Amino acid sequence: MATPVGHSIVGYMVARAAGVKSRTGLAFAIGAANLPDIDFLLGYVANGDLRSMHREVITHKPAFPLLVGSAAGLAAGAFSLLRGRRPAANDILGPAALTTALVSSHVAMDPLPLPYDSMEADQGGRVEILATQAWNAVIDTAVYGLLAILAMERTGLNGNGNGAKPAK
């Protein structure tokens, strides 16, 4: 199961590949890529156990990205109407597709077989659990960070602001 670090790296890359450049847009993209893990909060609120609902509710099912993407498209259309203009199809479909892709990235990444350490909450103290999660974040940074760097170099999204490949 990927950590928030891995989901954030992939969410950032998906958004950049879609042309998102603003800090606000990238922050929303990272939030959308991590959204399925809201089930941790739901479990804590429902019965005081963070892991009790993880992957047990709709947030990690294939329908969830479609629902969130549809909601994002509707919200984008409503925002256009509030600004006094009739939304074009791309005003609705663009945000819907991007949000669906971002949330889907989370659902697709969690079952990937990376060499994560796992420790149940009742197996160790807070320090041991935090150390395990920190190690898992290092694995995510190495794997997804390397993939992001390679993708950025290959596609020209190397941070020079215009998406063009740097001059040699």
C-alpha atoms as a PDB file:
ATOM      1  CA  MET A   1       0.000   0.000   0.000  1.00  0.00           C
ATOM      2  CA  ALA A   2       1.514   3.287  -1.091  1.00  0.00           C
ATOM      3  CA  THR A   3       2.015   6.108   1.391  1.00  0.00           C
ATOM      4  CA  PRO A   4       0.727   9.677   1.013  1.00  0.00           C
ATOM      5  CA  VAL A   5       4.190  10.548  -0.300  1.00  0.00           C
ATOM      6  CA  GLY A   6       3.829   8.141  -3.229  1.00  0.00           C
ATOM      7  CA  HIS A   7       0.261   9.220  -3.957  1.00  0.00           C
ATOM      8  CA  SER A   8       1.331  12.869  -3.867  1.00  0.00           C
ATOM      9  CA  ILE A   9       4.219  12.327  -6.299  1.00  0.00           C
ATOM     10  CA  VAL A  10       1.973  10.509  -8.774  1.00  0.00           C
ATOM     11  CA  GLY A  11      -0.829  13.061  -8.347  1.00  0.00           C
ATOM     12  CA  TYR A  12       1.601  15.884  -9.036  1.00  0.00           C
ATOM     13  CA  MET A  13       2.870  14.146 -12.168  1.00  0.00           C
ATOM     14  CA  VAL A  14      -0.621  13.408 -13.499  1.00  0.00           C
ATOM     15  CA  ALA A  15      -1.613  17.040 -12.991  1.00  0.00           C
ATOM     16  CA  ARG A  16       1.569  18.380 -14.604  1.00  0.00           C
ATOM     17  CA  ALA A  17       1.071  16.052 -17.568  1.00  0.00           C
ATOM     18  CA  ALA A  18      -2.465  17.450 -17.907  1.00  0.00           C
ATOM     19  CA  GLY A  19      -1.057  20.988 -18.037  1.00  0.00           C
ATOM     20  CA  VAL A  20      -1.758  22.137 -14.483  1.00  0.00           C
ATOM     21  CA  LYS A  21       0.851  24.711 -13.454  1.00  0.00           C
ATOM     22  CA  SER A  22      -0.653  26.794 -10.656  1.00  0.00           C
ATOM     23  CA  ARG A  23       0.235  26.006  -7.081  1.00  0.00           C
ATOM     24  CA  THR A  24      -3.444  25.907  -6.159  1.00  0.00           C
ATOM     25  CA  GLY A  25      -4.240  23.497  -8.979  1.00  0.00           C
ATOM     26  CA  LEU A  26      -1.323  21.254  -8.033  1.00  0.00           C
ATOM     27  CA  ALA A  27      -2.385  21.316  -4.375  1.00  0.00           C
ATOM     28  CA  PHE A  28      -5.907  20.250  -5.359  1.00  0.00           C
ATOM     29  CA  ALA A  29      -4.421  17.502  -7.541  1.00  0.00           C
ATOM     30  CA  ILE A  30      -2.331  16.158  -4.675  1.00  0.00           C
ATOM     31  CA  GLY A  31      -5.399  16.260  -2.438  1.00  0.00           C
ATOM     32  CA  ALA A  32      -7.461  14.355  -5.017  1.00  0.00           C
ATOM     33  CA  ALA A  33      -4.734  11.722  -5.372  1.00  0.00           C
ATOM     34  CA  ASN A  34      -4.856  11.160  -1.607  1.00  0.00           C
ATOM     35  CA  LEU A  35      -8.654  11.429  -1.233  1.00  0.00           C
ATOM     36  CA  PRO A  36      -9.449   7.684  -1.023  1.00  0.00           C
ATOM     37  CA  ASP A  37      -7.565   7.514   2.274  1.00  0.00           C
ATOM     38  CA  ILE A  38     -10.352   9.580   3.841  1.00  0.00           C
ATOM     39  CA  ASP A  39     -11.513   6.167   5.009  1.00  0.00           C
ATOM     40  CA  PHE A  40      -8.868   6.365   7.766  1.00  0.00           C
ATOM     41  CA  LEU A  41     -10.656   9.441   9.129  1.00  0.00           C
ATOM     42  CA  LEU A  42     -14.060   7.779   8.699  1.00  0.00           C
ATOM     43  CA  GLY A  43     -12.898   4.789  10.760  1.00  0.00           C
ATOM     44  CA  TYR A  44     -11.511   7.033  13.475  1.00  0.00           C
ATOM     45  CA  VAL A  45     -14.692   9.097  13.679  1.00  0.00           C
ATOM     46  CA  ALA A  46     -16.957   6.037  13.565  1.00  0.00           C
ATOM     47  CA  ASN A  47     -15.218   3.898  16.178  1.00  0.00           C
ATOM     48  CA  GLY A  48     -11.855   5.355  17.197  1.00  0.00           C
ATOM     49  CA  ASP A  49      -9.762   2.994  15.047  1.00  0.00           C
ATOM     50  CA  LEU A  50      -7.927   4.447  12.041  1.00  0.00           C
ATOM     51  CA  ARG A  51      -7.654   1.125  10.215  1.00  0.00           C
ATOM     52  CA  SER A  52     -11.150  -0.206  10.869  1.00  0.00           C
ATOM     53  CA  MET A  53     -12.662   1.095   7.621  1.00  0.00           C
ATOM     54  CA  HIS A  54      -9.554   1.258   5.434  1.00  0.00           C
ATOM     55  CA  ARG A  55     -10.380  -0.313   2.068  1.00  0.00           C
ATOM     56  CA  GLU A  56     -13.720  -1.488   3.461  1.00  0.00           C
ATOM     57  CA  VAL A  57     -15.851   1.389   2.176  1.00  0.00           C
ATOM     58  CA  ILE A  58     -16.403   2.830  -1.300  1.00  0.00           C
ATOM     59  CA  THR A  59     -13.298   5.049  -1.267  1.00  0.00           C
ATOM     60  CA  HIS A  60     -11.042   2.279  -2.589  1.00  0.00           C
ATOM     61  CA  LYS A  61     -13.548   0.838  -5.065  1.00  0.00           C
ATOM     62  CA  PRO A  62     -13.470   1.601  -8.831  1.00  0.00           C
ATOM     63  CA  ALA A  63     -16.756   3.524  -8.638  1.00  0.00           C
ATOM     64  CA  PHE A  64     -15.315   6.148  -6.279  1.00  0.00           C
ATOM     65  CA  PRO A  65     -13.078   7.904  -8.849  1.00  0.00           C
ATOM     66  CA  LEU A  66     -16.049   8.131 -11.216  1.00  0.00           C
ATOM     67  CA  LEU A  67     -18.253   9.644  -8.513  1.00  0.00           C
ATOM     68  CA  VAL A  68     -15.616  12.174  -7.449  1.00  0.00           C
ATOM     69  CA  GLY A  69     -14.808  13.027 -11.060  1.00  0.00           C
ATOM     70  CA  SER A  70     -18.490  13.575 -11.825  1.00  0.00           C
ATOM     71  CA  ALA A  71     -18.816  15.822  -8.794  1.00  0.00           C
ATOM     72  CA  ALA A  72     -15.745  17.805  -9.896  1.00  0.00           C
ATOM     73  CA  GLY A  73     -17.194  18.267 -13.377  1.00  0.00           C
ATOM     74  CA  LEU A  74     -20.517  19.429 -11.976  1.00  0.00           C
ATOM     75  CA  ALA A  75     -18.764  21.814  -9.594  1.00  0.00           C
ATOM     76  CA  ALA A  76     -16.691  23.250 -12.447  1.00  0.00           C
ATOM     77  CA  GLY A  77     -19.839  23.768 -14.508  1.00  0.00           C
ATOM     78  CA  ALA A  78     -21.610  25.410 -11.599  1.00  0.00           C
ATOM     79  CA  PHE A  79     -18.609  27.675 -11.027  1.00  0.00           C
ATOM     80  CA  SER A  80     -18.789  28.796 -14.668  1.00  0.00           C
ATOM     81  CA  LEU A  81     -22.485  29.576 -14.247  1.00  0.00           C
ATOM     82  CA  LEU A  82     -21.788  31.554 -11.083  1.00  0.00           C
ATOM     83  CA  ARG A  83     -19.230  33.588 -13.008  1.00  0.00           C
ATOM     84  CA  GLY A  84     -21.964  34.465 -15.492  1.00  0.00           C
ATOM     85  CA  ARG A  85     -20.972  32.333 -18.441  1.00  0.00           C
ATOM     86  CA  ARG A  86     -22.410  29.216 -19.948  1.00  0.00           C
ATOM     87  CA  PRO A  87     -19.953  26.340 -19.488  1.00  0.00           C
ATOM     88  CA  ALA A  88     -18.543  24.673 -22.568  1.00  0.00           C
ATOM     89  CA  ALA A  89     -18.236  20.904 -22.648  1.00  0.00           C
ATOM     90  CA  ASN A  90     -14.505  21.136 -21.934  1.00  0.00           C
ATOM     91  CA  ASP A  91     -15.203  23.274 -18.846  1.00  0.00           C
ATOM     92  CA  ILE A  92     -16.989  20.255 -17.371  1.00  0.00           C
ATOM     93  CA  LEU A  93     -15.267  17.274 -18.986  1.00  0.00           C
ATOM     94  CA  GLY A  94     -11.691  18.477 -18.407  1.00  0.00           C
ATOM     95  CA  PRO A  95     -11.932  18.758 -14.617  1.00  0.00           C
ATOM     96  CA  ALA A  96     -14.067  15.595 -14.464  1.00  0.00           C
ATOM     97  CA  ALA A  97     -11.517  13.548 -16.417  1.00  0.00           C
ATOM     98  CA  LEU A  98      -8.508  14.920 -14.529  1.00  0.00           C
ATOM     99  CA  THR A  99     -10.113  14.340 -11.131  1.00  0.00           C
ATOM    100  CA  THR A 100     -11.141  10.825 -12.140  1.00  0.00           C
ATOM    101  CA  ALA A 101      -7.553  10.105 -13.241  1.00  0.00           C
ATOM    102  CA  LEU A 102      -6.104  11.508 -10.007  1.00  0.00           C
ATOM    103  CA  VAL A 103      -8.389   9.519  -7.706  1.00  0.00           C
ATOM    104  CA  SER A 104      -7.978   6.433  -9.917  1.00  0.00           C
ATOM    105  CA  SER A 105      -4.212   6.662  -9.525  1.00  0.00           C
ATOM    106  CA  HIS A 106      -4.649   6.058  -5.797  1.00  0.00           C
ATOM    107  CA  VAL A 107      -6.946   3.087  -6.272  1.00  0.00           C
ATOM    108  CA  ALA A 108      -4.530   1.596  -8.825  1.00  0.00           C
ATOM    109  CA  MET A 109      -1.376   2.181  -6.751  1.00  0.00           C
ATOM    110  CA  ASP A 110      -2.450   0.663  -3.446  1.00  0.00           C
ATOM    111  CA  PRO A 111      -2.296  -2.995  -4.548  1.00  0.00           C
ATOM    112  CA  LEU A 112       1.120  -2.646  -6.249  1.00  0.00           C
ATOM    113  CA  PRO A 113       3.614  -5.114  -4.761  1.00  0.00           C
ATOM    114  CA  LEU A 114       6.393  -2.795  -3.609  1.00  0.00           C
ATOM    115  CA  PRO A 115       8.526  -4.115  -0.724  1.00  0.00           C
ATOM    116  CA  TYR A 116       6.748  -2.276   2.063  1.00  0.00           C
ATOM    117  CA  ASP A 117       7.182  -3.101   5.728  1.00  0.00           C
ATOM    118  CA  SER A 118       3.862  -3.722   7.389  1.00  0.00           C
ATOM    119  CA  MET A 119       3.039  -3.459  11.036  1.00  0.00           C
ATOM    120  CA  GLU A 120      -0.386  -3.596  12.558  1.00  0.00           C
ATOM    121  CA  ALA A 121      -1.242  -0.901  15.060  1.00  0.00           C
ATOM    122  CA  ASP A 122      -1.292  -3.409  17.925  1.00  0.00           C
ATOM    123  CA  GLN A 123       2.116  -4.931  17.055  1.00  0.00           C
ATOM    124  CA  GLY A 124       4.333  -2.065  18.107  1.00  0.00           C
ATOM    125  CA  GLY A 125       4.538   1.262  19.796  1.00  0.00           C
ATOM    126  CA  ARG A 126       4.161   4.607  18.104  1.00  0.00           C
ATOM    127  CA  VAL A 127       7.883   4.908  17.407  1.00  0.00           C
ATOM    128  CA  GLU A 128       8.012   1.536  15.651  1.00  0.00           C
ATOM    129  CA  ILE A 129       4.904   2.296  13.600  1.00  0.00           C
ATOM    130  CA  LEU A 130       6.242   5.732  12.633  1.00  0.00           C
ATOM    131  CA  ALA A 131       9.606   4.212  11.687  1.00  0.00           C
ATOM    132  CA  THR A 132       7.856   1.642   9.498  1.00  0.00           C
ATOM    133  CA  GLN A 133       5.791   4.326   7.780  1.00  0.00           C
ATOM    134  CA  ALA A 134       8.877   6.501   7.312  1.00  0.00           C
ATOM    135  CA  TRP A 135      10.677   3.582   5.639  1.00  0.00           C
ATOM    136  CA  ASN A 136       7.665   3.012   3.375  1.00  0.00           C
ATOM    137  CA  ALA A 137       7.757   6.712   2.426  1.00  0.00           C
ATOM    138  CA  VAL A 138      11.431   6.326   1.504  1.00  0.00           C
ATOM    139  CA  ILE A 139      10.502   3.409  -0.789  1.00  0.00           C
ATOM    140  CA  ASP A 140       7.745   5.513  -2.366  1.00  0.00           C
ATOM    141  CA  THR A 141      10.092   8.453  -2.856  1.00  0.00           C
ATOM    142  CA  ALA A 142      12.690   6.238  -4.498  1.00  0.00           C
ATOM    143  CA  VAL A 143      10.295   4.367  -6.799  1.00  0.00           C
ATOM    144  CA  TYR A 144       7.733   7.030  -7.689  1.00  0.00           C
ATOM    145  CA  GLY A 145      10.251   9.867  -7.502  1.00  0.00           C
ATOM    146  CA  LEU A 146      12.518   8.136 -10.001  1.00  0.00           C
ATOM    147  CA  LEU A 147       9.571   7.431 -12.290  1.00  0.00           C
ATOM    148  CA  ALA A 148       8.511  11.082 -11.993  1.00  0.00           C
ATOM    149  CA  ILE A 149      11.988  12.340 -12.857  1.00  0.00           C
ATOM    150  CA  LEU A 150      12.184  10.032 -15.853  1.00  0.00           C
ATOM    151  CA  ALA A 151       8.706  11.061 -17.016  1.00  0.00           C
ATOM    152  CA  MET A 152       9.486  14.756 -16.576  1.00  0.00           C
ATOM    153  CA  GLU A 153      12.682  14.484 -18.599  1.00  0.00           C
ATOM    154  CA  ARG A 154      11.028  12.417 -21.301  1.00  0.00           C
ATOM    155  CA  THR A 155       8.012  14.727 -21.680  1.00  0.00           C
ATOM    156  CA  GLY A 156       9.791  18.032 -21.143  1.00  0.00           C
ATOM    157  CA  LEU A 157       7.993  18.789 -17.876  1.00  0.00           C
ATOM    158  CA  ASN A 158      11.298  19.534 -16.243  1.00  0.00           C
ATOM    159  CA  GLY A 159      10.304  22.615 -14.309  1.00  0.00           C
ATOM    160  CA  ASN A 160      11.465  25.307 -16.744  1.00  0.00           C
ATOM    161  CA  GLY A 161       7.910  26.629 -16.803  1.00  0.00           C
ATOM    162  CA  ASN A 162       6.933  26.164 -20.429  1.00  0.00           C
ATOM    163  CA  GLY A 163       6.989  22.412 -20.891  1.00  0.00           C
ATOM    164  CA  ALA A 164       9.691  22.680 -23.553  1.00  0.00           C
ATOM    165  CA  LYS A 165      12.822  20.637 -23.452  1.00  0.00           C
ATOM    166  CA  PRO A 166      15.849  22.563 -22.240  1.00  0.00           C
ATOM    167  CA  ALA A 167      18.347  23.818 -24.812  1.00  0.00           C
ATOM    168  CA  LYS A 168      21.516  21.778 -25.108  1.00  0.00           C
END
